Amino acid sequence: MRALPLTLRPFVDTPDTRGIGAQAFKVGGTPSWAQDPEHHRCACGTDLVYLCQVPEGMEFAVPPGQPEQPYSLGDDSYWLFLGNEVYLLACPAHCDPAAVWPVNQN
């Protein structure tokens, strides 16, 4: 993989009738939980809040000459997290720069 610029655009995330947000790469908004919502608490005691998510099957172009990713659906892209959605929850108290918890669902 190689680093590319990340461009964020404004996005209105309107939850559906079940309270589920859009299934997309996004920062903020409403999570699109693949399973039941998860709630976690920081070591400082504060409830963690939803920060961002990476949807299942997020593709990245394969640089020329690089090997095919095992278990992928094609040889022209790499998939991040292969069939899993990843949500990042963070401590709103900012008690520590590393106070982020990843949640994996499929």
PDB file of N, CA and C in Angstrom:
ATOM      1  N   MET A   1       0.838  -1.175   0.000  1.00  0.00           N
ATOM      2  CA  MET A   1       0.000   0.000   0.000  1.00  0.00           C
ATOM      3  C   MET A   1       0.878   1.232   0.000  1.00  0.00           C
ATOM      4  N   ARG A   2       0.265   2.331  -0.390  1.00  0.00           N
ATOM      5  CA  ARG A   2       0.993   3.590  -0.378  1.00  0.00           C
ATOM      6  C   ARG A   2       0.077   4.683   0.161  1.00  0.00           C
ATOM      7  N   ALA A   3       0.671   5.672   0.739  1.00  0.00           N
ATOM      8  CA  ALA A   3      -0.096   6.768   1.327  1.00  0.00           C
ATOM      9  C   ALA A   3      -0.670   7.655   0.226  1.00  0.00           C
ATOM     10  N   LEU A   4      -1.916   8.035   0.368  1.00  0.00           N
ATOM     11  CA  LEU A   4      -2.577   8.967  -0.536  1.00  0.00           C
ATOM     12  C   LEU A   4      -3.275  10.024   0.305  1.00  0.00           C
ATOM     13  N   PRO A   5      -3.528  11.194  -0.271  1.00  0.00           N
ATOM     14  CA  PRO A   5      -4.220  12.225   0.512  1.00  0.00           C
ATOM     15  C   PRO A   5      -5.646  11.804   0.855  1.00  0.00           C
ATOM     16  N   LEU A   6      -6.100  12.218   2.004  1.00  0.00           N
ATOM     17  CA  LEU A   6      -7.464  11.955   2.444  1.00  0.00           C
ATOM     18  C   LEU A   6      -8.232  13.265   2.371  1.00  0.00           C
ATOM     19  N   THR A   7      -9.277  13.285   1.573  1.00  0.00           N
ATOM     20  CA  THR A   7     -10.094  14.474   1.422  1.00  0.00           C
ATOM     21  C   THR A   7     -11.451  14.224   2.085  1.00  0.00           C
ATOM     22  N   LEU A   8     -11.786  15.044   3.060  1.00  0.00           N
ATOM     23  CA  LEU A   8     -13.073  14.929   3.737  1.00  0.00           C
ATOM     24  C   LEU A   8     -14.023  15.962   3.166  1.00  0.00           C
ATOM     25  N   ARG A   9     -15.277  15.536   2.901  1.00  0.00           N
ATOM     26  CA  ARG A   9     -16.310  16.421   2.380  1.00  0.00           C
ATOM     27  C   ARG A   9     -17.493  16.411   3.344  1.00  0.00           C
ATOM     28  N   PRO A  10     -18.229  17.518   3.423  1.00  0.00           N
ATOM     29  CA  PRO A  10     -19.435  17.520   4.258  1.00  0.00           C
ATOM     30  C   PRO A  10     -20.415  16.454   3.772  1.00  0.00           C
ATOM     31  N   PHE A  11     -21.093  15.819   4.713  1.00  0.00           N
ATOM     32  CA  PHE A  11     -21.988  14.722   4.390  1.00  0.00           C
ATOM     33  C   PHE A  11     -23.099  14.694   5.418  1.00  0.00           C
ATOM     34  N   VAL A  12     -24.336  14.652   4.965  1.00  0.00           N
ATOM     35  CA  VAL A  12     -25.471  14.553   5.873  1.00  0.00           C
ATOM     36  C   VAL A  12     -25.803  13.078   6.024  1.00  0.00           C
ATOM     37  N   ASP A  13     -25.597  12.553   7.209  1.00  0.00           N
ATOM     38  CA  ASP A  13     -25.822  11.138   7.481  1.00  0.00           C
ATOM     39  C   ASP A  13     -27.191  10.981   8.137  1.00  0.00           C
ATOM     40  N   THR A  14     -28.189  10.632   7.336  1.00  0.00           N
ATOM     41  CA  THR A  14     -29.546  10.481   7.831  1.00  0.00           C
ATOM     42  C   THR A  14     -29.789   9.029   8.210  1.00  0.00           C
ATOM     43  N   PRO A  15     -29.929   8.732   9.498  1.00  0.00           N
ATOM     44  CA  PRO A  15     -30.180   7.344   9.922  1.00  0.00           C
ATOM     45  C   PRO A  15     -31.485   6.810   9.352  1.00  0.00           C
ATOM     46  N   ASP A  16     -31.527   5.500   9.101  1.00  0.00           N
ATOM     47  CA  ASP A  16     -32.745   4.868   8.605  1.00  0.00           C
ATOM     48  C   ASP A  16     -33.729   4.661   9.760  1.00  0.00           C
ATOM     49  N   THR A  17     -34.812   3.966   9.502  1.00  0.00           N
ATOM     50  CA  THR A  17     -35.852   3.773  10.525  1.00  0.00           C
ATOM     51  C   THR A  17     -35.366   2.974  11.726  1.00  0.00           C
ATOM     52  N   ARG A  18     -34.268   2.216  11.554  1.00  0.00           N
ATOM     53  CA  ARG A  18     -33.699   1.442  12.677  1.00  0.00           C
ATOM     54  C   ARG A  18     -32.581   2.201  13.380  1.00  0.00           C
ATOM     55  N   GLY A  19     -32.311   3.456  12.945  1.00  0.00           N
ATOM     56  CA  GLY A  19     -31.255   4.247  13.569  1.00  0.00           C
ATOM     57  C   GLY A  19     -29.870   3.938  13.037  1.00  0.00           C
ATOM     58  N   ILE A  20     -29.798   3.288  11.873  1.00  0.00           N
ATOM     59  CA  ILE A  20     -28.509   2.910  11.281  1.00  0.00           C
ATOM     60  C   ILE A  20     -28.088   3.972  10.262  1.00  0.00           C
ATOM     61  N   GLY A  21     -26.844   4.417  10.345  1.00  0.00           N
ATOM     62  CA  GLY A  21     -26.317   5.412   9.420  1.00  0.00           C
ATOM     63  C   GLY A  21     -25.841   4.780   8.129  1.00  0.00           C
ATOM     64  N   ALA A  22     -25.377   5.625   7.226  1.00  0.00           N
ATOM     65  CA  ALA A  22     -24.893   5.185   5.920  1.00  0.00           C
ATOM     66  C   ALA A  22     -23.683   4.275   6.072  1.00  0.00           C
ATOM     67  N   GLN A  23     -23.626   3.232   5.227  1.00  0.00           N
ATOM     68  CA  GLN A  23     -22.487   2.315   5.239  1.00  0.00           C
ATOM     69  C   GLN A  23     -21.449   2.867   4.269  1.00  0.00           C
ATOM     70  N   ALA A  24     -20.503   3.618   4.817  1.00  0.00           N
ATOM     71  CA  ALA A  24     -19.479   4.279   4.015  1.00  0.00           C
ATOM     72  C   ALA A  24     -18.307   4.611   4.925  1.00  0.00           C
ATOM     73  N   PHE A  25     -17.176   4.962   4.325  1.00  0.00           N
ATOM     74  CA  PHE A  25     -16.084   5.509   5.124  1.00  0.00           C
ATOM     75  C   PHE A  25     -16.535   6.896   5.542  1.00  0.00           C
ATOM     76  N   LYS A  26     -16.542   7.150   6.842  1.00  0.00           N
ATOM     77  CA  LYS A  26     -16.973   8.465   7.301  1.00  0.00           C
ATOM     78  C   LYS A  26     -16.398   8.775   8.670  1.00  0.00           C
ATOM     79  N   VAL A  27     -16.267  10.062   8.909  1.00  0.00           N
ATOM     80  CA  VAL A  27     -15.851  10.584  10.206  1.00  0.00           C
ATOM     81  C   VAL A  27     -17.068  11.301  10.761  1.00  0.00           C
ATOM     82  N   GLY A  28     -17.528  10.865  11.924  1.00  0.00           N
ATOM     83  CA  GLY A  28     -18.722  11.436  12.520  1.00  0.00           C
ATOM     84  C   GLY A  28     -19.980  10.820  11.923  1.00  0.00           C
ATOM     85  N   GLY A  29     -21.110  11.412  12.250  1.00  0.00           N
ATOM     86  CA  GLY A  29     -22.382  10.882  11.782  1.00  0.00           C
ATOM     87  C   GLY A  29     -22.878   9.788  12.714  1.00  0.00           C
ATOM     88  N   THR A  30     -23.622   8.854  12.134  1.00  0.00           N
ATOM     89  CA  THR A  30     -24.223   7.753  12.876  1.00  0.00           C
ATOM     90  C   THR A  30     -23.610   6.446  12.403  1.00  0.00           C
ATOM     91  N   PRO A  31     -23.152   5.585  13.311  1.00  0.00           N
ATOM     92  CA  PRO A  31     -22.547   4.329  12.861  1.00  0.00           C
ATOM     93  C   PRO A  31     -23.552   3.434  12.131  1.00  0.00           C
ATOM     94  N   SER A  32     -23.055   2.643  11.208  1.00  0.00           N
ATOM     95  CA  SER A  32     -23.897   1.682  10.475  1.00  0.00           C
ATOM     96  C   SER A  32     -23.609   0.286  11.014  1.00  0.00           C
ATOM     97  N   TRP A  33     -23.830   0.095  12.297  1.00  0.00           N
ATOM     98  CA  TRP A  33     -23.497  -1.162  12.964  1.00  0.00           C
ATOM     99  C   TRP A  33     -23.918  -2.370  12.126  1.00  0.00           C
ATOM    100  N   ALA A  34     -22.976  -3.265  11.868  1.00  0.00           N
ATOM    101  CA  ALA A  34     -23.261  -4.506  11.139  1.00  0.00           C
ATOM    102  C   ALA A  34     -24.010  -5.478  12.049  1.00  0.00           C
ATOM    103  N   GLN A  35     -23.757  -5.382  13.333  1.00  0.00           N
ATOM    104  CA  GLN A  35     -24.434  -6.199  14.342  1.00  0.00           C
ATOM    105  C   GLN A  35     -25.067  -5.226  15.345  1.00  0.00           C
ATOM    106  N   ASP A  36     -25.277  -5.664  16.553  1.00  0.00           N
ATOM    107  CA  ASP A  36     -25.837  -4.769  17.567  1.00  0.00           C
ATOM    108  C   ASP A  36     -24.827  -3.683  17.936  1.00  0.00           C
ATOM    109  N   PRO A  37     -25.320  -2.473  18.282  1.00  0.00           N
ATOM    110  CA  PRO A  37     -24.410  -1.414  18.720  1.00  0.00           C
ATOM    111  C   PRO A  37     -23.589  -1.863  19.930  1.00  0.00           C
ATOM    112  N   GLU A  38     -22.355  -1.403  19.980  1.00  0.00           N
ATOM    113  CA  GLU A  38     -21.476  -1.720  21.112  1.00  0.00           C
ATOM    114  C   GLU A  38     -21.173  -0.447  21.884  1.00  0.00           C
ATOM    115  N   HIS A  39     -21.117  -0.582  23.194  1.00  0.00           N
ATOM    116  CA  HIS A  39     -20.823   0.544  24.073  1.00  0.00           C
ATOM    117  C   HIS A  39     -19.634   0.144  24.940  1.00  0.00           C
ATOM    118  N   HIS A  40     -18.639   1.019  24.989  1.00  0.00           N
ATOM    119  CA  HIS A  40     -17.430   0.742  25.765  1.00  0.00           C
ATOM    120  C   HIS A  40     -17.106   1.948  26.627  1.00  0.00           C
ATOM    121  N   ARG A  41     -16.358   1.684  27.677  1.00  0.00           N
ATOM    122  CA  ARG A  41     -15.960   2.728  28.613  1.00  0.00           C
ATOM    123  C   ARG A  41     -14.437   2.834  28.611  1.00  0.00           C
ATOM    124  N   CYS A  42     -13.948   4.060  28.649  1.00  0.00           N
ATOM    125  CA  CYS A  42     -12.514   4.338  28.700  1.00  0.00           C
ATOM    126  C   CYS A  42     -11.958   3.950  30.077  1.00  0.00           C
ATOM    127  N   ALA A  43     -10.667   3.768  30.151  1.00  0.00           N
ATOM    128  CA  ALA A  43     -10.023   3.461  31.430  1.00  0.00           C
ATOM    129  C   ALA A  43     -10.232   4.583  32.448  1.00  0.00           C
ATOM    130  N   CYS A  44     -10.488   5.818  31.957  1.00  0.00           N
ATOM    131  CA  CYS A  44     -10.730   6.941  32.877  1.00  0.00           C
ATOM    132  C   CYS A  44     -12.166   6.942  33.399  1.00  0.00           C
ATOM    133  N   GLY A  45     -13.023   6.059  32.864  1.00  0.00           N
ATOM    134  CA  GLY A  45     -14.400   5.959  33.326  1.00  0.00           C
ATOM    135  C   GLY A  45     -15.421   6.637  32.433  1.00  0.00           C
ATOM    136  N   THR A  46     -14.988   7.367  31.420  1.00  0.00           N
ATOM    137  CA  THR A  46     -15.886   8.070  30.512  1.00  0.00           C
ATOM    138  C   THR A  46     -16.393   7.121  29.430  1.00  0.00           C
ATOM    139  N   ASP A  47     -17.677   7.231  29.069  1.00  0.00           N
ATOM    140  CA  ASP A  47     -18.217   6.432  27.966  1.00  0.00           C
ATOM    141  C   ASP A  47     -17.577   6.877  26.661  1.00  0.00           C
ATOM    142  N   LEU A  48     -17.102   5.913  25.873  1.00  0.00           N
ATOM    143  CA  LEU A  48     -16.501   6.223  24.577  1.00  0.00           C
ATOM    144  C   LEU A  48     -17.592   6.607  23.589  1.00  0.00           C
ATOM    145  N   VAL A  49     -17.257   7.480  22.637  1.00  0.00           N
ATOM    146  CA  VAL A  49     -18.211   7.935  21.627  1.00  0.00           C
ATOM    147  C   VAL A  49     -17.716   7.539  20.239  1.00  0.00           C
ATOM    148  N   TYR A  50     -18.662   7.377  19.331  1.00  0.00           N
ATOM    149  CA  TYR A  50     -18.356   7.011  17.948  1.00  0.00           C
ATOM    150  C   TYR A  50     -17.552   8.129  17.282  1.00  0.00           C
ATOM    151  N   LEU A  51     -16.460   7.750  16.617  1.00  0.00           N
ATOM    152  CA  LEU A  51     -15.590   8.702  15.945  1.00  0.00           C
ATOM    153  C   LEU A  51     -15.668   8.541  14.430  1.00  0.00           C
ATOM    154  N   CYS A  52     -15.425   7.312  13.946  1.00  0.00           N
ATOM    155  CA  CYS A  52     -15.433   7.079  12.503  1.00  0.00           C
ATOM    156  C   CYS A  52     -15.568   5.588  12.222  1.00  0.00           C
ATOM    157  N   GLN A  53     -15.742   5.263  10.935  1.00  0.00           N
ATOM    158  CA  GLN A  53     -15.857   3.860  10.555  1.00  0.00           C
ATOM    159  C   GLN A  53     -15.230   3.632   9.185  1.00  0.00           C
ATOM    160  N   VAL A  54     -14.789   2.386   8.990  1.00  0.00           N
ATOM    161  CA  VAL A  54     -14.301   1.913   7.696  1.00  0.00           C
ATOM    162  C   VAL A  54     -15.211   0.750   7.324  1.00  0.00           C
ATOM    163  N   PRO A  55     -15.949   0.857   6.207  1.00  0.00           N
ATOM    164  CA  PRO A  55     -16.891  -0.196   5.847  1.00  0.00           C
ATOM    165  C   PRO A  55     -16.187  -1.444   5.341  1.00  0.00           C
ATOM    166  N   GLU A  56     -16.933  -2.549   5.325  1.00  0.00           N
ATOM    167  CA  GLU A  56     -16.381  -3.781   4.779  1.00  0.00           C
ATOM    168  C   GLU A  56     -16.102  -3.588   3.288  1.00  0.00           C
ATOM    169  N   GLY A  57     -15.107  -4.282   2.799  1.00  0.00           N
ATOM    170  CA  GLY A  57     -14.805  -4.245   1.376  1.00  0.00           C
ATOM    171  C   GLY A  57     -14.261  -2.926   0.877  1.00  0.00           C
ATOM    172  N   MET A  58     -13.650  -2.110   1.735  1.00  0.00           N
ATOM    173  CA  MET A  58     -13.058  -0.856   1.269  1.00  0.00           C
ATOM    174  C   MET A  58     -11.849  -1.207   0.418  1.00  0.00           C
ATOM    175  N   GLU A  59     -11.876  -0.771  -0.823  1.00  0.00           N
ATOM    176  CA  GLU A  59     -10.848  -1.161  -1.780  1.00  0.00           C
ATOM    177  C   GLU A  59      -9.776  -0.090  -1.953  1.00  0.00           C
ATOM    178  N   PHE A  60      -8.559  -0.562  -2.217  1.00  0.00           N
ATOM    179  CA  PHE A  60      -7.422   0.286  -2.536  1.00  0.00           C
ATOM    180  C   PHE A  60      -6.764  -0.282  -3.779  1.00  0.00           C
ATOM    181  N   ALA A  61      -6.416   0.569  -4.715  1.00  0.00           N
ATOM    182  CA  ALA A  61      -5.787   0.114  -5.960  1.00  0.00           C
ATOM    183  C   ALA A  61      -4.454  -0.575  -5.665  1.00  0.00           C
ATOM    184  N   VAL A  62      -4.180  -1.637  -6.411  1.00  0.00           N
ATOM    185  CA  VAL A  62      -2.917  -2.356  -6.277  1.00  0.00           C
ATOM    186  C   VAL A  62      -1.861  -1.632  -7.114  1.00  0.00           C
ATOM    187  N   PRO A  63      -0.752  -1.222  -6.506  1.00  0.00           N
ATOM    188  CA  PRO A  63       0.314  -0.611  -7.297  1.00  0.00           C
ATOM    189  C   PRO A  63       0.865  -1.623  -8.307  1.00  0.00           C
ATOM    190  N   PRO A  64       1.306  -1.164  -9.467  1.00  0.00           N
ATOM    191  CA  PRO A  64       1.840  -2.070 -10.490  1.00  0.00           C
ATOM    192  C   PRO A  64       2.952  -2.963  -9.941  1.00  0.00           C
ATOM    193  N   GLY A  65       2.893  -4.239 -10.303  1.00  0.00           N
ATOM    194  CA  GLY A  65       3.932  -5.190  -9.922  1.00  0.00           C
ATOM    195  C   GLY A  65       3.778  -5.786  -8.537  1.00  0.00           C
ATOM    196  N   GLN A  66       2.712  -5.452  -7.825  1.00  0.00           N
ATOM    197  CA  GLN A  66       2.524  -5.977  -6.475  1.00  0.00           C
ATOM    198  C   GLN A  66       1.695  -7.257  -6.512  1.00  0.00           C
ATOM    199  N   PRO A  67       1.868  -8.146  -5.535  1.00  0.00           N
ATOM    200  CA  PRO A  67       1.155  -9.425  -5.541  1.00  0.00           C
ATOM    201  C   PRO A  67      -0.338  -9.261  -5.283  1.00  0.00           C
ATOM    202  N   GLU A  68      -1.088 -10.256  -5.706  1.00  0.00           N
ATOM    203  CA  GLU A  68      -2.523 -10.292  -5.461  1.00  0.00           C
ATOM    204  C   GLU A  68      -2.771 -10.564  -3.990  1.00  0.00           C
ATOM    205  N   GLN A  69      -3.808  -9.964  -3.442  1.00  0.00           N
ATOM    206  CA  GLN A  69      -4.161 -10.183  -2.040  1.00  0.00           C
ATOM    207  C   GLN A  69      -4.893 -11.519  -1.924  1.00  0.00           C
ATOM    208  N   PRO A  70      -4.457 -12.392  -1.024  1.00  0.00           N
ATOM    209  CA  PRO A  70      -5.165 -13.661  -0.828  1.00  0.00           C
ATOM    210  C   PRO A  70      -6.623 -13.417  -0.429  1.00  0.00           C
ATOM    211  N   TYR A  71      -7.525 -14.252  -0.922  1.00  0.00           N
ATOM    212  CA  TYR A  71      -8.955 -14.228  -0.601  1.00  0.00           C
ATOM    213  C   TYR A  71      -9.677 -12.973  -1.087  1.00  0.00           C
ATOM    214  N   SER A  72      -9.071 -12.224  -1.992  1.00  0.00           N
ATOM    215  CA  SER A  72      -9.708 -11.039  -2.539  1.00  0.00           C
ATOM    216  C   SER A  72     -10.594 -11.442  -3.709  1.00  0.00           C
ATOM    217  N   LEU A  73     -11.468 -10.537  -4.132  1.00  0.00           N
ATOM    218  CA  LEU A  73     -12.357 -10.820  -5.249  1.00  0.00           C
ATOM    219  C   LEU A  73     -11.738 -10.481  -6.598  1.00  0.00           C
ATOM    220  N   GLY A  74     -10.602  -9.856  -6.597  1.00  0.00           N
ATOM    221  CA  GLY A  74      -9.948  -9.500  -7.856  1.00  0.00           C
ATOM    222  C   GLY A  74      -8.478  -9.220  -7.642  1.00  0.00           C
ATOM    223  N   ASP A  75      -7.746  -9.094  -8.742  1.00  0.00           N
ATOM    224  CA  ASP A  75      -6.305  -8.853  -8.626  1.00  0.00           C
ATOM    225  C   ASP A  75      -5.941  -7.383  -8.817  1.00  0.00           C
ATOM    226  N   ASP A  76      -6.955  -6.505  -8.984  1.00  0.00           N
ATOM    227  CA  ASP A  76      -6.671  -5.096  -9.217  1.00  0.00           C
ATOM    228  C   ASP A  76      -6.858  -4.215  -7.978  1.00  0.00           C
ATOM    229  N   SER A  77      -7.227  -4.826  -6.841  1.00  0.00           N
ATOM    230  CA  SER A  77      -7.412  -4.033  -5.624  1.00  0.00           C
ATOM    231  C   SER A  77      -7.103  -4.862  -4.384  1.00  0.00           C
ATOM    232  N   TYR A  78      -6.714  -4.149  -3.340  1.00  0.00           N
ATOM    233  CA  TYR A  78      -6.560  -4.735  -2.018  1.00  0.00           C
ATOM    234  C   TYR A  78      -7.788  -4.326  -1.215  1.00  0.00           C
ATOM    235  N   TRP A  79      -8.275  -5.208  -0.358  1.00  0.00           N
ATOM    236  CA  TRP A  79      -9.411  -4.906   0.504  1.00  0.00           C
ATOM    237  C   TRP A  79      -8.921  -4.760   1.923  1.00  0.00           C
ATOM    238  N   LEU A  80      -9.363  -3.706   2.561  1.00  0.00           N
ATOM    239  CA  LEU A  80      -9.000  -3.476   3.950  1.00  0.00           C
ATOM    240  C   LEU A  80     -10.017  -4.179   4.835  1.00  0.00           C
ATOM    241  N   PHE A  81      -9.577  -4.992   5.748  1.00  0.00           N
ATOM    242  CA  PHE A  81     -10.371  -5.708   6.748  1.00  0.00           C
ATOM    243  C   PHE A  81     -11.227  -6.847   6.188  1.00  0.00           C
ATOM    244  N   LEU A  82     -11.159  -7.163   4.900  1.00  0.00           N
ATOM    245  CA  LEU A  82     -11.797  -8.325   4.282  1.00  0.00           C
ATOM    246  C   LEU A  82     -13.110  -8.772   4.924  1.00  0.00           C
ATOM    247  N   GLY A  83     -14.192  -8.081   4.632  1.00  0.00           N
ATOM    248  CA  GLY A  83     -15.512  -8.487   5.090  1.00  0.00           C
ATOM    249  C   GLY A  83     -15.885  -8.039   6.488  1.00  0.00           C
ATOM    250  N   ASN A  84     -15.091  -7.210   7.103  1.00  0.00           N
ATOM    251  CA  ASN A  84     -15.389  -6.705   8.441  1.00  0.00           C
ATOM    252  C   ASN A  84     -15.540  -5.191   8.399  1.00  0.00           C
ATOM    253  N   GLU A  85     -16.457  -4.688   9.183  1.00  0.00           N
ATOM    254  CA  GLU A  85     -16.554  -3.245   9.369  1.00  0.00           C
ATOM    255  C   GLU A  85     -15.796  -2.903  10.636  1.00  0.00           C
ATOM    256  N   VAL A  86     -15.090  -1.784  10.610  1.00  0.00           N
ATOM    257  CA  VAL A  86     -14.315  -1.356  11.776  1.00  0.00           C
ATOM    258  C   VAL A  86     -14.796   0.032  12.184  1.00  0.00           C
ATOM    259  N   TYR A  87     -15.104   0.168  13.453  1.00  0.00           N
ATOM    260  CA  TYR A  87     -15.572   1.423  14.026  1.00  0.00           C
ATOM    261  C   TYR A  87     -14.549   1.865  15.068  1.00  0.00           C
ATOM    262  N   LEU A  88     -14.253   3.144  15.110  1.00  0.00           N
ATOM    263  CA  LEU A  88     -13.358   3.672  16.138  1.00  0.00           C
ATOM    264  C   LEU A  88     -14.182   4.494  17.121  1.00  0.00           C
ATOM    265  N   LEU A  89     -14.037   4.151  18.392  1.00  0.00           N
ATOM    266  CA  LEU A  89     -14.683   4.879  19.479  1.00  0.00           C
ATOM    267  C   LEU A  89     -13.580   5.606  20.240  1.00  0.00           C
ATOM    268  N   ALA A  90     -13.847   6.841  20.651  1.00  0.00           N
ATOM    269  CA  ALA A  90     -12.815   7.637  21.312  1.00  0.00           C
ATOM    270  C   ALA A  90     -13.341   8.238  22.607  1.00  0.00           C
ATOM    271  N   CYS A  91     -12.408   8.609  23.466  1.00  0.00           N
ATOM    272  CA  CYS A  91     -12.749   9.201  24.760  1.00  0.00           C
ATOM    273  C   CYS A  91     -12.991  10.707  24.578  1.00  0.00           C
ATOM    274  N   PRO A  92     -14.221  11.190  24.844  1.00  0.00           N
ATOM    275  CA  PRO A  92     -14.487  12.614  24.702  1.00  0.00           C
ATOM    276  C   PRO A  92     -13.789  13.468  25.761  1.00  0.00           C
ATOM    277  N   ALA A  93     -13.283  12.840  26.821  1.00  0.00           N
ATOM    278  CA  ALA A  93     -12.560  13.580  27.860  1.00  0.00           C
ATOM    279  C   ALA A  93     -11.111  13.846  27.454  1.00  0.00           C
ATOM    280  N   HIS A  94     -10.668  13.231  26.342  1.00  0.00           N
ATOM    281  CA  HIS A  94      -9.286  13.401  25.855  1.00  0.00           C
ATOM    282  C   HIS A  94      -8.274  13.121  26.956  1.00  0.00           C
ATOM    283  N   CYS A  95      -8.527  12.068  27.735  1.00  0.00           N
ATOM    284  CA  CYS A  95      -7.657  11.748  28.871  1.00  0.00           C
ATOM    285  C   CYS A  95      -6.271  11.289  28.427  1.00  0.00           C
ATOM    286  N   ASP A  96      -6.173  10.761  27.196  1.00  0.00           N
ATOM    287  CA  ASP A  96      -4.908  10.269  26.675  1.00  0.00           C
ATOM    288  C   ASP A  96      -5.014  10.270  25.148  1.00  0.00           C
ATOM    289  N   PRO A  97      -3.937  10.629  24.431  1.00  0.00           N
ATOM    290  CA  PRO A  97      -3.998  10.630  22.966  1.00  0.00           C
ATOM    291  C   PRO A  97      -4.319   9.254  22.379  1.00  0.00           C
ATOM    292  N   ALA A  98      -4.055   8.190  23.126  1.00  0.00           N
ATOM    293  CA  ALA A  98      -4.300   6.828  22.646  1.00  0.00           C
ATOM    294  C   ALA A  98      -5.625   6.264  23.147  1.00  0.00           C
ATOM    295  N   ALA A  99      -6.504   7.107  23.670  1.00  0.00           N
ATOM    296  CA  ALA A  99      -7.777   6.629  24.220  1.00  0.00           C
ATOM    297  C   ALA A  99      -8.790   6.421  23.094  1.00  0.00           C
ATOM    298  N   VAL A 100      -8.479   5.447  22.232  1.00  0.00           N
ATOM    299  CA  VAL A 100      -9.340   5.074  21.108  1.00  0.00           C
ATOM    300  C   VAL A 100      -9.496   3.560  21.148  1.00  0.00           C
ATOM    301  N   TRP A 101     -10.716   3.083  20.887  1.00  0.00           N
ATOM    302  CA  TRP A 101     -10.989   1.653  20.940  1.00  0.00           C
ATOM    303  C   TRP A 101     -11.561   1.202  19.601  1.00  0.00           C
ATOM    304  N   PRO A 102     -10.913   0.218  18.925  1.00  0.00           N
ATOM    305  CA  PRO A 102     -11.466  -0.288  17.667  1.00  0.00           C
ATOM    306  C   PRO A 102     -12.517  -1.367  17.941  1.00  0.00           C
ATOM    307  N   VAL A 103     -13.597  -1.328  17.185  1.00  0.00           N
ATOM    308  CA  VAL A 103     -14.649  -2.330  17.272  1.00  0.00           C
ATOM    309  C   VAL A 103     -14.774  -2.968  15.896  1.00  0.00           C
ATOM    310  N   ASN A 104     -14.669  -4.283  15.844  1.00  0.00           N
ATOM    311  CA  ASN A 104     -14.741  -5.032  14.596  1.00  0.00           C
ATOM    312  C   ASN A 104     -16.038  -5.816  14.563  1.00  0.00           C
ATOM    313  N   GLN A 105     -16.808  -5.678  13.485  1.00  0.00           N
ATOM    314  CA  GLN A 105     -18.045  -6.447  13.323  1.00  0.00           C
ATOM    315  C   GLN A 105     -18.122  -6.974  11.895  1.00  0.00           C
ATOM    316  N   ASN A 106     -18.789  -8.113  11.723  1.00  0.00           N
ATOM    317  CA  ASN A 106     -18.983  -8.643  10.355  1.00  0.00           C
ATOM    318  C   ASN A 106     -20.367  -9.179  10.193  1.00  0.00           C
TER     319      ASN A 106
END
